[in-house]
Structures are given as structure tokens and as C-alpha cells.
Amino acid sequence: MSRPIWTGVISFGLVTVPVGLHSATQTHEVSFHQFQEDTSDRIRYKRVNERTGREVKYDDIVKGAEVGDDKYVLVEPEELDSIAPGRSRSLEIATFVDLDDIDPIYFQKSYYLAPAGKENAKTYALLRQAMEATNKVAIGTFVMRGKEYLAAVRAAEKVLVLETMFFADEIRNPRDVLSTLPRDAKFRGQEVKMAEQLISSMSGPWKPKDYRDTYTDRVKKLIAAKRKGREVVTEAEAPEATNVTDLTEALRRSVEEARSSRRSASKASTTIGRKTTRSSPGKKTTGKTAARKSPAKKSAKTTSSSAGQRRREAS
């Protein structure tokens, strides 16, 4: 069991629920260290006083905010805590909204909320059940690690999940980020229809286990191969962008390939189903074979009786 990275209370109205916050996700990237090229010497980072060149202990470091003209205002950790009294241990619910009303761009990271102690499990379960029944998401704020977060709390299976969110002024406007934005273009009816058909032919249920971080797998294979002194094979280059003049043809071929892939998958599934159906009545087949062989005993009795009758006639 993991330790909570934050503990506090969810408060809405006059109701408070003590909870602990646990990370709901984990990454599996390969961790690299830095070395000087052509050597086995590790690269290390140190906190150095730029004036004296001497290393400074972490406990002797304070934060400073630049205010312009190479001037800084130094702030102590206690001063940062003092301007948010109690906020670091309270998740205050402001309102409940529909999940569909929230643009996914606002979501940042997922956490599990757990009741802090068995004595709080009932209140926790009541809140979770009520939110599930109304299909609502709780929106609130809390402070963690010196930063205030906007958060959405939702019911999921038997737990409450907290999604940290970006504030509205933290979402960048695409016009300020992208050098070129697609203009409103006119398309032929056939192009739109083909694009819709392609989407339809490639649609299916969401199955997260069908997807895997293949890049990390390749990195691990690269490391294993280099460790054994094997040759490293370079991956193929990414395909070029589709030419606008070939768009309709590319869409048509894509639809055909998607449909062909679906048919192949369907045939494979049907073939497996037929094999399973044919193999299941194996016991019945054995029974029929045994039934066919059973009259042999009757035939043997008849032969034995005929032979006895001939011996009596001979005597």
C-alpha cells in the first residue's frame, strides 16, 4: 500500500470527509544518466553559488522571485504558508457540474481519494454514491506542495477520483501558439463522405489494453542489444504528408483497407468459433462409434448358435 502524498478533508456545506490522496498513474520510461562522451565519467549537478563558486546545501537555499532589472524578492517557506492558512489541508467544493461540460484540455493528472480511517468510510461512501447517482463532478480547490490546484472529484467504481486541472488563464490560446492555423476550407461532398466512411470503418469500442508504449519497448531492446554487442537496426522513417491532390484517392484506399482488415478479423473470429463448435461434441462421436460396434456381440452369439446346431445334426 502506498502512502498518501497529501492528506486533508473534502468540505462541502457543513459536511467534511477526511481523505488521503494517492497517485492513480505511473510511467514506465527508461531512466538515463548523463556521461561525458567517449568516457565512463558521470555528469553530476551541484547547487553552486555563482559568485563564490562554492556548493550550497539545500537547507541553506531560499526562493526568490525576479521583479525586473536583475532584482529579486526573497521569500521564506513560512511566508508562503502564512498566506494560505488552512488551505493546504482542505479541499473546498465550490459547485457540482456535469462531467461532459468540462473540456478534457483542463485535466492534468489523476489521483485516488481514500477515506482516512475506517470511521470515515461511511461518509466517504455516501458522497461517492450520491455523486454517482446524480452523475455530477465536484469542483473545488486545494493547495499541495506550495501550489494551488483546481480539482474535479468524480465517482469511479468504488472510489473517488480527483483530477487536478489547469486554471482558465493557464490554457494557451492556439492563435498565440501556432504559427499557422487551418482556414475554413470548402470540400467536395465526396471528400467529406469518404472521410466520414473512413472514421466509421475504423470505429470501435475503447479497449485500453490494446495499446502499449512500443517506444519504451524498443528502447529496452536497444539497450539489451548494445549490452550483448549486437547490431542495432534503425527504425523506418515516418511517412510523408498526404498530397492534397491525392486526398480523395488516399481516403478511398484507406476505407478499403480498413474494411478489408475488419473482414479478415471477422473471418478469423468465425473460424475459431467453428473449430470450437466442432470439437465440443467429441464425446457424442465416441458414443456413436461404440453403438455401431455393439451389434458385434449379437453376431458372435448367432455364429456360436449355428455351429452348435450343426454339431447336433452331425451326431
C-alpha atoms as a PDB file:
ATOM      1  CA  MET A   1       0.000   0.000   0.000  1.00  0.00           C
ATOM      2  CA  SER A   2       1.307   3.428  -0.957  1.00  0.00           C
ATOM      3  CA  ARG A   3       1.464   6.352   1.406  1.00  0.00           C
ATOM      4  CA  PRO A   4      -0.760   9.348   0.659  1.00  0.00           C
ATOM      5  CA  ILE A   5       1.050  12.269  -0.941  1.00  0.00           C
ATOM      6  CA  TRP A   6      -1.474  14.680   0.586  1.00  0.00           C
ATOM      7  CA  THR A   7      -3.920  14.386   3.477  1.00  0.00           C
ATOM      8  CA  GLY A   8      -6.780  16.690   4.322  1.00  0.00           C
ATOM      9  CA  VAL A   9     -10.551  16.992   4.212  1.00  0.00           C
ATOM     10  CA  ILE A  10     -13.139  17.399   1.475  1.00  0.00           C
ATOM     11  CA  SER A  11     -15.619  20.002   2.643  1.00  0.00           C
ATOM     12  CA  PHE A  12     -18.975  20.754   1.063  1.00  0.00           C
ATOM     13  CA  GLY A  13     -21.639  22.589   3.016  1.00  0.00           C
ATOM     14  CA  LEU A  14     -21.324  21.536   6.655  1.00  0.00           C
ATOM     15  CA  VAL A  15     -20.024  18.054   5.751  1.00  0.00           C
ATOM     16  CA  THR A  16     -16.329  17.175   5.919  1.00  0.00           C
ATOM     17  CA  VAL A  17     -14.676  13.934   4.794  1.00  0.00           C
ATOM     18  CA  PRO A  18     -11.051  13.270   5.859  1.00  0.00           C
ATOM     19  CA  VAL A  19      -9.179  11.770   2.885  1.00  0.00           C
ATOM     20  CA  GLY A  20      -5.754  10.835   1.593  1.00  0.00           C
ATOM     21  CA  LEU A  21      -4.508  11.466  -1.943  1.00  0.00           C
ATOM     22  CA  HIS A  22      -2.742   8.678  -3.861  1.00  0.00           C
ATOM     23  CA  SER A  23      -1.295   8.780  -7.383  1.00  0.00           C
ATOM     24  CA  ALA A  24      -3.505   6.823  -9.808  1.00  0.00           C
ATOM     25  CA  THR A  25      -0.990   6.576 -12.652  1.00  0.00           C
ATOM     26  CA  GLN A  26       2.642   5.677 -13.215  1.00  0.00           C
ATOM     27  CA  THR A  27       5.051   5.967 -16.116  1.00  0.00           C
ATOM     28  CA  HIS A  28       7.438   3.254 -17.287  1.00  0.00           C
ATOM     29  CA  GLU A  29      10.022   5.274 -19.144  1.00  0.00           C
ATOM     30  CA  VAL A  30      13.641   4.172 -19.182  1.00  0.00           C
ATOM     31  CA  SER A  31      15.743   6.325 -16.860  1.00  0.00           C
ATOM     32  CA  PHE A  32      19.006   7.577 -18.379  1.00  0.00           C
ATOM     33  CA  HIS A  33      22.074   9.066 -16.674  1.00  0.00           C
ATOM     34  CA  GLN A  34      24.423  11.517 -18.350  1.00  0.00           C
ATOM     35  CA  PHE A  35      28.069  10.771 -19.198  1.00  0.00           C
ATOM     36  CA  GLN A  36      30.856  12.679 -20.871  1.00  0.00           C
ATOM     37  CA  GLU A  37      31.233  11.460 -24.442  1.00  0.00           C
ATOM     38  CA  ASP A  38      33.899   8.771 -25.027  1.00  0.00           C
ATOM     39  CA  THR A  39      34.310   8.263 -21.274  1.00  0.00           C
ATOM     40  CA  SER A  40      32.576   6.431 -18.449  1.00  0.00           C
ATOM     41  CA  ASP A  41      32.508   9.589 -16.321  1.00  0.00           C
ATOM     42  CA  ARG A  42      29.116  10.517 -14.893  1.00  0.00           C
ATOM     43  CA  ILE A  43      27.842  14.077 -15.139  1.00  0.00           C
ATOM     44  CA  ARG A  44      26.737  15.498 -11.777  1.00  0.00           C
ATOM     45  CA  TYR A  45      24.777  18.624 -10.982  1.00  0.00           C
ATOM     46  CA  LYS A  46      25.567  20.741  -7.958  1.00  0.00           C
ATOM     47  CA  ARG A  47      23.935  23.785  -6.413  1.00  0.00           C
ATOM     48  CA  VAL A  48      26.687  26.368  -6.663  1.00  0.00           C
ATOM     49  CA  ASN A  49      26.881  29.947  -5.512  1.00  0.00           C
ATOM     50  CA  GLU A  50      27.557  31.774  -8.780  1.00  0.00           C
ATOM     51  CA  ARG A  51      29.590  34.469  -7.032  1.00  0.00           C
ATOM     52  CA  THR A  52      31.862  32.276  -4.863  1.00  0.00           C
ATOM     53  CA  GLY A  53      31.721  29.089  -6.929  1.00  0.00           C
ATOM     54  CA  ARG A  54      31.140  27.082  -3.752  1.00  0.00           C
ATOM     55  CA  GLU A  55      28.484  24.374  -3.362  1.00  0.00           C
ATOM     56  CA  VAL A  56      25.470  25.331  -1.210  1.00  0.00           C
ATOM     57  CA  LYS A  57      23.482  22.940   0.988  1.00  0.00           C
ATOM     58  CA  TYR A  58      19.813  22.504   0.109  1.00  0.00           C
ATOM     59  CA  ASP A  59      18.711  23.663   3.585  1.00  0.00           C
ATOM     60  CA  ASP A  60      20.508  26.977   3.031  1.00  0.00           C
ATOM     61  CA  ILE A  61      18.598  27.799  -0.146  1.00  0.00           C
ATOM     62  CA  VAL A  62      15.562  30.120  -0.231  1.00  0.00           C
ATOM     63  CA  LYS A  63      13.269  31.093  -3.095  1.00  0.00           C
ATOM     64  CA  GLY A  64      13.427  34.411  -4.915  1.00  0.00           C
ATOM     65  CA  ALA A  65      11.094  35.972  -7.478  1.00  0.00           C
ATOM     66  CA  GLU A  66      12.508  38.256 -10.170  1.00  0.00           C
ATOM     67  CA  VAL A  67      10.862  41.690 -10.235  1.00  0.00           C
ATOM     68  CA  GLY A  68      12.903  43.168 -13.096  1.00  0.00           C
ATOM     69  CA  ASP A  69      16.316  44.738 -13.708  1.00  0.00           C
ATOM     70  CA  ASP A  70      18.058  41.742 -12.089  1.00  0.00           C
ATOM     71  CA  LYS A  71      16.282  42.470  -8.813  1.00  0.00           C
ATOM     72  CA  TYR A  72      14.709  39.713  -6.724  1.00  0.00           C
ATOM     73  CA  VAL A  73      12.382  39.445  -3.767  1.00  0.00           C
ATOM     74  CA  LEU A  74      13.361  36.610  -1.408  1.00  0.00           C
ATOM     75  CA  VAL A  75      10.514  34.644   0.180  1.00  0.00           C
ATOM     76  CA  GLU A  76      10.752  32.178   3.083  1.00  0.00           C
ATOM     77  CA  PRO A  77       8.728  28.907   3.090  1.00  0.00           C
ATOM     78  CA  GLU A  78       6.945  30.042   6.265  1.00  0.00           C
ATOM     79  CA  GLU A  79       5.803  33.221   4.497  1.00  0.00           C
ATOM     80  CA  LEU A  80       4.298  31.199   1.652  1.00  0.00           C
ATOM     81  CA  ASP A  81       2.436  29.009   4.152  1.00  0.00           C
ATOM     82  CA  SER A  82       1.138  32.013   6.067  1.00  0.00           C
ATOM     83  CA  ILE A  83      -0.735  33.492   3.093  1.00  0.00           C
ATOM     84  CA  ALA A  84      -2.826  30.323   2.679  1.00  0.00           C
ATOM     85  CA  PRO A  85      -3.901  29.460   6.274  1.00  0.00           C
ATOM     86  CA  GLY A  86      -5.642  26.095   6.398  1.00  0.00           C
ATOM     87  CA  ARG A  87      -5.872  25.842   2.627  1.00  0.00           C
ATOM     88  CA  SER A  88      -3.136  23.213   2.455  1.00  0.00           C
ATOM     89  CA  ARG A  89      -5.293  20.715   4.361  1.00  0.00           C
ATOM     90  CA  SER A  90      -8.716  21.430   2.897  1.00  0.00           C
ATOM     91  CA  LEU A  91     -10.277  20.674  -0.483  1.00  0.00           C
ATOM     92  CA  GLU A  92     -13.183  23.105  -0.647  1.00  0.00           C
ATOM     93  CA  ILE A  93     -16.002  22.122  -3.005  1.00  0.00           C
ATOM     94  CA  ALA A  94     -17.462  25.170  -4.740  1.00  0.00           C
ATOM     95  CA  THR A  95     -20.008  23.548  -7.068  1.00  0.00           C
ATOM     96  CA  PHE A  96     -21.124  20.337  -8.782  1.00  0.00           C
ATOM     97  CA  VAL A  97     -21.179  20.177 -12.593  1.00  0.00           C
ATOM     98  CA  ASP A  98     -21.766  17.668 -15.408  1.00  0.00           C
ATOM     99  CA  LEU A  99     -18.598  15.874 -16.480  1.00  0.00           C
ATOM    100  CA  ASP A 100     -19.441  16.436 -20.157  1.00  0.00           C
ATOM    101  CA  ASP A 101     -19.298  20.189 -19.584  1.00  0.00           C
ATOM    102  CA  ILE A 102     -15.540  20.054 -18.908  1.00  0.00           C
ATOM    103  CA  ASP A 103     -13.164  20.223 -21.877  1.00  0.00           C
ATOM    104  CA  PRO A 104     -10.508  17.461 -21.410  1.00  0.00           C
ATOM    105  CA  ILE A 105      -7.779  20.050 -22.057  1.00  0.00           C
ATOM    106  CA  TYR A 106      -8.278  21.215 -18.469  1.00  0.00           C
ATOM    107  CA  PHE A 107      -7.393  17.819 -16.949  1.00  0.00           C
ATOM    108  CA  GLN A 108      -3.835  17.470 -15.675  1.00  0.00           C
ATOM    109  CA  LYS A 109      -3.255  14.347 -13.518  1.00  0.00           C
ATOM    110  CA  SER A 110      -5.391  11.665 -11.856  1.00  0.00           C
ATOM    111  CA  TYR A 111      -5.342  10.687  -8.175  1.00  0.00           C
ATOM    112  CA  TYR A 112      -7.315   8.293  -5.999  1.00  0.00           C
ATOM    113  CA  LEU A 113      -9.002   9.694  -2.916  1.00  0.00           C
ATOM    114  CA  ALA A 114      -9.203   7.256   0.005  1.00  0.00           C
ATOM    115  CA  PRO A 115     -11.076   7.695   3.308  1.00  0.00           C
ATOM    116  CA  ALA A 116      -8.681   8.497   6.142  1.00  0.00           C
ATOM    117  CA  GLY A 117      -9.579   5.739   8.585  1.00  0.00           C
ATOM    118  CA  LYS A 118     -12.423   3.246   8.818  1.00  0.00           C
ATOM    119  CA  GLU A 119     -14.510   5.660  10.879  1.00  0.00           C
ATOM    120  CA  ASN A 120     -14.780   7.945   7.815  1.00  0.00           C
ATOM    121  CA  ALA A 121     -15.645   5.206   5.301  1.00  0.00           C
ATOM    122  CA  LYS A 122     -19.425   5.671   5.614  1.00  0.00           C
ATOM    123  CA  THR A 123     -19.382   9.414   4.913  1.00  0.00           C
ATOM    124  CA  TYR A 124     -16.963   8.816   2.031  1.00  0.00           C
ATOM    125  CA  ALA A 125     -19.193   6.086   0.553  1.00  0.00           C
ATOM    126  CA  LEU A 126     -22.278   8.298   0.877  1.00  0.00           C
ATOM    127  CA  LEU A 127     -20.622  11.122  -1.055  1.00  0.00           C
ATOM    128  CA  ARG A 128     -19.412   8.726  -3.761  1.00  0.00           C
ATOM    129  CA  GLN A 129     -22.824   7.087  -4.139  1.00  0.00           C
ATOM    130  CA  ALA A 130     -24.663  10.426  -4.300  1.00  0.00           C
ATOM    131  CA  MET A 131     -22.274  11.731  -6.960  1.00  0.00           C
ATOM    132  CA  GLU A 132     -22.659   8.541  -8.984  1.00  0.00           C
ATOM    133  CA  ALA A 133     -26.464   8.702  -8.775  1.00  0.00           C
ATOM    134  CA  THR A 134     -26.597  12.337  -9.924  1.00  0.00           C
ATOM    135  CA  ASN A 135     -23.744  11.926 -12.449  1.00  0.00           C
ATOM    136  CA  LYS A 136     -22.110  15.073 -11.103  1.00  0.00           C
ATOM    137  CA  VAL A 137     -18.497  16.120 -10.634  1.00  0.00           C
ATOM    138  CA  ALA A 138     -17.366  18.188  -7.651  1.00  0.00           C
ATOM    139  CA  ILE A 139     -15.244  21.242  -8.477  1.00  0.00           C
ATOM    140  CA  GLY A 140     -13.002  22.730  -5.799  1.00  0.00           C
ATOM    141  CA  THR A 141      -9.535  23.995  -4.945  1.00  0.00           C
ATOM    142  CA  PHE A 142      -6.742  22.878  -2.630  1.00  0.00           C
ATOM    143  CA  VAL A 143      -3.060  23.578  -2.034  1.00  0.00           C
ATOM    144  CA  MET A 144      -0.431  20.859  -2.472  1.00  0.00           C
ATOM    145  CA  ARG A 145       3.346  21.284  -2.463  1.00  0.00           C
ATOM    146  CA  GLY A 146       3.145  25.048  -2.488  1.00  0.00           C
ATOM    147  CA  LYS A 147       0.747  25.301  -5.432  1.00  0.00           C
ATOM    148  CA  GLU A 148      -2.992  25.844  -5.527  1.00  0.00           C
ATOM    149  CA  TYR A 149      -4.869  23.409  -7.742  1.00  0.00           C
ATOM    150  CA  LEU A 150      -8.253  23.453  -9.337  1.00  0.00           C
ATOM    151  CA  ALA A 151      -9.681  19.954  -8.946  1.00  0.00           C
ATOM    152  CA  ALA A 152     -12.551  17.814 -10.197  1.00  0.00           C
ATOM    153  CA  VAL A 153     -13.688  14.935  -7.991  1.00  0.00           C
ATOM    154  CA  ARG A 154     -15.756  12.210  -9.662  1.00  0.00           C
ATOM    155  CA  ALA A 155     -17.155   8.803  -8.746  1.00  0.00           C
ATOM    156  CA  ALA A 156     -15.443   5.818 -10.399  1.00  0.00           C
ATOM    157  CA  GLU A 157     -16.351   2.222  -9.495  1.00  0.00           C
ATOM    158  CA  LYS A 158     -15.884   2.058  -5.699  1.00  0.00           C
ATOM    159  CA  VAL A 159     -13.620   5.077  -5.247  1.00  0.00           C
ATOM    160  CA  LEU A 160     -13.486   8.813  -5.735  1.00  0.00           C
ATOM    161  CA  VAL A 161     -11.016  10.045  -8.344  1.00  0.00           C
ATOM    162  CA  LEU A 162      -9.535  13.524  -8.182  1.00  0.00           C
ATOM    163  CA  GLU A 163      -8.358  15.163 -11.390  1.00  0.00           C
ATOM    164  CA  THR A 164      -6.063  18.148 -10.935  1.00  0.00           C
ATOM    165  CA  MET A 165      -6.935  20.785 -13.509  1.00  0.00           C
ATOM    166  CA  PHE A 166      -5.456  23.849 -15.170  1.00  0.00           C
ATOM    167  CA  PHE A 167      -6.992  27.218 -14.393  1.00  0.00           C
ATOM    168  CA  ALA A 168      -8.563  29.067 -17.324  1.00  0.00           C
ATOM    169  CA  ASP A 169      -5.642  31.502 -17.648  1.00  0.00           C
ATOM    170  CA  GLU A 170      -3.215  28.554 -17.872  1.00  0.00           C
ATOM    171  CA  ILE A 171      -4.779  27.287 -21.111  1.00  0.00           C
ATOM    172  CA  ARG A 172      -2.933  28.763 -24.057  1.00  0.00           C
ATOM    173  CA  ASN A 173      -4.817  30.223 -26.986  1.00  0.00           C
ATOM    174  CA  PRO A 174      -3.922  28.302 -30.183  1.00  0.00           C
ATOM    175  CA  ARG A 175      -3.617  31.612 -32.052  1.00  0.00           C
ATOM    176  CA  ASP A 176      -0.788  32.587 -29.689  1.00  0.00           C
ATOM    177  CA  VAL A 177       0.993  29.252 -30.077  1.00  0.00           C
ATOM    178  CA  LEU A 178       0.591  28.112 -33.687  1.00  0.00           C
ATOM    179  CA  SER A 179       2.264  29.972 -36.500  1.00  0.00           C
ATOM    180  CA  THR A 180      -0.396  28.841 -38.962  1.00  0.00           C
ATOM    181  CA  LEU A 181      -3.992  27.885 -38.288  1.00  0.00           C
ATOM    182  CA  PRO A 182      -6.150  25.942 -40.762  1.00  0.00           C
ATOM    183  CA  ARG A 183      -8.563  28.214 -42.543  1.00  0.00           C
ATOM    184  CA  ASP A 184     -12.175  27.358 -43.234  1.00  0.00           C
ATOM    185  CA  ALA A 185     -11.918  25.280 -46.391  1.00  0.00           C
ATOM    186  CA  LYS A 186     -14.545  24.062 -48.823  1.00  0.00           C
ATOM    187  CA  PHE A 187     -14.578  20.351 -49.622  1.00  0.00           C
ATOM    188  CA  ARG A 188     -16.391  18.368 -52.232  1.00  0.00           C
ATOM    189  CA  GLY A 189     -19.248  16.226 -50.965  1.00  0.00           C
ATOM    190  CA  GLN A 190     -17.376  13.075 -51.969  1.00  0.00           C
ATOM    191  CA  GLU A 191     -14.344  14.015 -49.861  1.00  0.00           C
ATOM    192  CA  VAL A 192     -16.459  14.621 -46.759  1.00  0.00           C
ATOM    193  CA  LYS A 193     -18.385  11.399 -47.346  1.00  0.00           C
ATOM    194  CA  MET A 194     -15.196   9.369 -47.786  1.00  0.00           C
ATOM    195  CA  ALA A 195     -13.688  10.878 -44.630  1.00  0.00           C
ATOM    196  CA  GLU A 196     -16.839  10.011 -42.659  1.00  0.00           C
ATOM    197  CA  GLN A 197     -16.806   6.471 -44.064  1.00  0.00           C
ATOM    198  CA  LEU A 198     -13.157   6.070 -43.043  1.00  0.00           C
ATOM    199  CA  ILE A 199     -13.938   7.178 -39.487  1.00  0.00           C
ATOM    200  CA  SER A 200     -16.942   4.837 -39.382  1.00  0.00           C
ATOM    201  CA  SER A 201     -14.944   1.866 -40.702  1.00  0.00           C
ATOM    202  CA  MET A 202     -12.201   2.449 -38.114  1.00  0.00           C
ATOM    203  CA  SER A 203     -14.572   2.984 -35.170  1.00  0.00           C
ATOM    204  CA  GLY A 204     -14.800   0.500 -32.318  1.00  0.00           C
ATOM    205  CA  PRO A 205     -15.079   0.172 -28.535  1.00  0.00           C
ATOM    206  CA  TRP A 206     -12.428   1.700 -26.281  1.00  0.00           C
ATOM    207  CA  LYS A 207     -10.073  -1.081 -25.157  1.00  0.00           C
ATOM    208  CA  PRO A 208      -7.088   0.462 -23.322  1.00  0.00           C
ATOM    209  CA  LYS A 209      -5.246  -2.877 -23.114  1.00  0.00           C
ATOM    210  CA  ASP A 210      -4.988  -2.904 -26.931  1.00  0.00           C
ATOM    211  CA  TYR A 211      -2.450  -0.087 -26.743  1.00  0.00           C
ATOM    212  CA  ARG A 212       1.122  -0.267 -25.467  1.00  0.00           C
ATOM    213  CA  ASP A 213       4.118   2.035 -25.210  1.00  0.00           C
ATOM    214  CA  THR A 214       6.079   0.390 -28.023  1.00  0.00           C
ATOM    215  CA  TYR A 215       8.755   3.108 -27.971  1.00  0.00           C
ATOM    216  CA  THR A 216       9.813   2.144 -24.441  1.00  0.00           C
ATOM    217  CA  ASP A 217       9.875  -1.497 -25.566  1.00  0.00           C
ATOM    218  CA  ARG A 218      12.216  -0.572 -28.436  1.00  0.00           C
ATOM    219  CA  VAL A 219      14.452   1.441 -26.105  1.00  0.00           C
ATOM    220  CA  LYS A 220      14.765  -1.567 -23.787  1.00  0.00           C
ATOM    221  CA  LYS A 221      15.567  -3.824 -26.756  1.00  0.00           C
ATOM    222  CA  LEU A 222      18.177  -1.304 -27.919  1.00  0.00           C
ATOM    223  CA  ILE A 223      19.853  -1.326 -24.507  1.00  0.00           C
ATOM    224  CA  ALA A 224      19.756  -5.133 -24.322  1.00  0.00           C
ATOM    225  CA  ALA A 225      21.221  -5.454 -27.842  1.00  0.00           C
ATOM    226  CA  LYS A 226      24.027  -2.987 -27.174  1.00  0.00           C
ATOM    227  CA  ARG A 227      24.791  -4.765 -23.899  1.00  0.00           C
ATOM    228  CA  LYS A 228      25.318  -8.008 -25.836  1.00  0.00           C
ATOM    229  CA  GLY A 229      27.245  -6.262 -28.606  1.00  0.00           C
ATOM    230  CA  ARG A 230      24.621  -6.860 -31.277  1.00  0.00           C
ATOM    231  CA  GLU A 231      23.932  -4.635 -34.271  1.00  0.00           C
ATOM    232  CA  VAL A 232      21.247  -2.021 -33.755  1.00  0.00           C
ATOM    233  CA  VAL A 233      18.602  -1.765 -36.520  1.00  0.00           C
ATOM    234  CA  THR A 234      17.287   1.714 -37.286  1.00  0.00           C
ATOM    235  CA  GLU A 235      13.518   2.146 -37.487  1.00  0.00           C
ATOM    236  CA  ALA A 236      11.894   3.152 -40.776  1.00  0.00           C
ATOM    237  CA  GLU A 237      11.261   6.838 -41.375  1.00  0.00           C
ATOM    238  CA  ALA A 238       7.817   8.318 -40.830  1.00  0.00           C
ATOM    239  CA  PRO A 239       5.556   8.501 -43.923  1.00  0.00           C
ATOM    240  CA  GLU A 240       5.309  11.778 -45.806  1.00  0.00           C
ATOM    241  CA  ALA A 241       2.239  14.006 -45.561  1.00  0.00           C
ATOM    242  CA  THR A 242      -0.635  13.261 -47.926  1.00  0.00           C
ATOM    243  CA  ASN A 243      -0.703  15.427 -51.048  1.00  0.00           C
ATOM    244  CA  VAL A 244      -3.894  17.490 -51.257  1.00  0.00           C
ATOM    245  CA  THR A 245      -4.468  16.439 -54.868  1.00  0.00           C
ATOM    246  CA  ASP A 246      -4.367  12.761 -53.819  1.00  0.00           C
ATOM    247  CA  LEU A 247      -6.670  13.239 -50.813  1.00  0.00           C
ATOM    248  CA  THR A 248      -9.757  11.551 -52.294  1.00  0.00           C
ATOM    249  CA  GLU A 249      -7.760   8.582 -53.552  1.00  0.00           C
ATOM    250  CA  ALA A 250      -5.972   8.234 -50.225  1.00  0.00           C
ATOM    251  CA  LEU A 251      -9.307   8.287 -48.399  1.00  0.00           C
ATOM    252  CA  ARG A 252     -10.794   5.696 -50.758  1.00  0.00           C
ATOM    253  CA  ARG A 253      -7.877   3.311 -50.318  1.00  0.00           C
ATOM    254  CA  SER A 254      -7.891   3.844 -46.563  1.00  0.00           C
ATOM    255  CA  VAL A 255     -11.592   2.906 -46.379  1.00  0.00           C
ATOM    256  CA  GLU A 256     -10.960  -0.240 -48.435  1.00  0.00           C
ATOM    257  CA  GLU A 257      -8.014  -1.278 -46.256  1.00  0.00           C
ATOM    258  CA  ALA A 258      -9.995  -0.664 -43.068  1.00  0.00           C
ATOM    259  CA  ARG A 259     -12.945  -2.715 -44.353  1.00  0.00           C
ATOM    260  CA  SER A 260     -10.624  -5.492 -45.527  1.00  0.00           C
ATOM    261  CA  SER A 261      -8.954  -5.573 -42.132  1.00  0.00           C
ATOM    262  CA  ARG A 262     -12.343  -5.780 -40.424  1.00  0.00           C
ATOM    263  CA  ARG A 263     -13.445  -8.645 -42.698  1.00  0.00           C
ATOM    264  CA  SER A 264     -10.231 -10.570 -42.047  1.00  0.00           C
ATOM    265  CA  ALA A 265     -10.641 -10.145 -38.315  1.00  0.00           C
ATOM    266  CA  SER A 266     -14.287 -11.233 -38.561  1.00  0.00           C
ATOM    267  CA  LYS A 267     -13.392 -14.350 -40.598  1.00  0.00           C
ATOM    268  CA  ALA A 268     -10.666 -15.279 -38.130  1.00  0.00           C
ATOM    269  CA  SER A 269     -13.121 -14.953 -35.257  1.00  0.00           C
ATOM    270  CA  THR A 270     -15.733 -17.053 -37.112  1.00  0.00           C
ATOM    271  CA  THR A 271     -13.179 -19.761 -37.945  1.00  0.00           C
ATOM    272  CA  ILE A 272     -12.141 -20.014 -34.301  1.00  0.00           C
ATOM    273  CA  GLY A 273     -15.796 -20.237 -33.294  1.00  0.00           C
ATOM    274  CA  ARG A 274     -16.456 -23.052 -35.784  1.00  0.00           C
ATOM    275  CA  LYS A 275     -13.440 -25.040 -34.602  1.00  0.00           C
ATOM    276  CA  THR A 276     -14.640 -24.732 -31.036  1.00  0.00           C
ATOM    277  CA  THR A 277     -18.153 -25.851 -32.022  1.00  0.00           C
ATOM    278  CA  ARG A 278     -16.882 -28.865 -33.980  1.00  0.00           C
ATOM    279  CA  SER A 279     -14.518 -30.055 -31.292  1.00  0.00           C
ATOM    280  CA  SER A 280     -17.047 -29.820 -28.451  1.00  0.00           C
ATOM    281  CA  PRO A 281     -19.278 -32.837 -29.424  1.00  0.00           C
ATOM    282  CA  GLY A 282     -16.293 -35.228 -29.302  1.00  0.00           C
ATOM    283  CA  LYS A 283     -17.924 -37.415 -26.641  1.00  0.00           C
ATOM    284  CA  LYS A 284     -21.048 -37.872 -28.760  1.00  0.00           C
ATOM    285  CA  THR A 285     -18.955 -39.092 -31.682  1.00  0.00           C
ATOM    286  CA  THR A 286     -17.308 -41.669 -29.437  1.00  0.00           C
ATOM    287  CA  GLY A 287     -20.753 -42.797 -28.314  1.00  0.00           C
ATOM    288  CA  LYS A 288     -21.913 -43.327 -31.882  1.00  0.00           C
ATOM    289  CA  THR A 289     -18.828 -45.367 -32.691  1.00  0.00           C
ATOM    290  CA  ALA A 290     -19.418 -47.535 -29.664  1.00  0.00           C
ATOM    291  CA  ALA A 291     -23.055 -48.004 -30.676  1.00  0.00           C
ATOM    292  CA  ARG A 292     -22.033 -49.209 -34.101  1.00  0.00           C
ATOM    293  CA  LYS A 293     -19.624 -51.753 -32.636  1.00  0.00           C
ATOM    294  CA  SER A 294     -22.119 -53.094 -30.088  1.00  0.00           C
ATOM    295  CA  PRO A 295     -24.040 -55.366 -32.546  1.00  0.00           C
ATOM    296  CA  ALA A 296     -20.817 -57.392 -32.952  1.00  0.00           C
ATOM    297  CA  LYS A 297     -21.667 -59.266 -29.738  1.00  0.00           C
ATOM    298  CA  LYS A 298     -25.059 -60.241 -31.167  1.00  0.00           C
ATOM    299  CA  SER A 299     -23.401 -61.506 -34.354  1.00  0.00           C
ATOM    300  CA  ALA A 300     -20.963 -63.569 -32.322  1.00  0.00           C
ATOM    301  CA  LYS A 301     -23.833 -65.223 -30.420  1.00  0.00           C
ATOM    302  CA  THR A 302     -25.641 -66.075 -33.657  1.00  0.00           C
ATOM    303  CA  THR A 303     -22.491 -67.688 -35.110  1.00  0.00           C
ATOM    304  CA  SER A 304     -21.957 -69.749 -31.977  1.00  0.00           C
ATOM    305  CA  SER A 305     -25.593 -70.971 -32.005  1.00  0.00           C
ATOM    306  CA  SER A 306     -25.409 -72.038 -35.670  1.00  0.00           C
ATOM    307  CA  ALA A 307     -22.235 -74.016 -35.047  1.00  0.00           C
ATOM    308  CA  GLY A 308     -23.854 -75.879 -32.148  1.00  0.00           C
ATOM    309  CA  GLN A 309     -26.868 -76.802 -34.216  1.00  0.00           C
ATOM    310  CA  ARG A 310     -24.617 -78.289 -36.939  1.00  0.00           C
ATOM    311  CA  ARG A 311     -22.789 -80.448 -34.379  1.00  0.00           C
ATOM    312  CA  ARG A 312     -26.094 -81.837 -33.067  1.00  0.00           C
ATOM    313  CA  GLU A 313     -27.251 -82.676 -36.577  1.00  0.00           C
ATOM    314  CA  ALA A 314     -23.948 -84.440 -37.267  1.00  0.00           C
ATOM    315  CA  SER A 315     -24.322 -86.614 -34.180  1.00  0.00           C
END
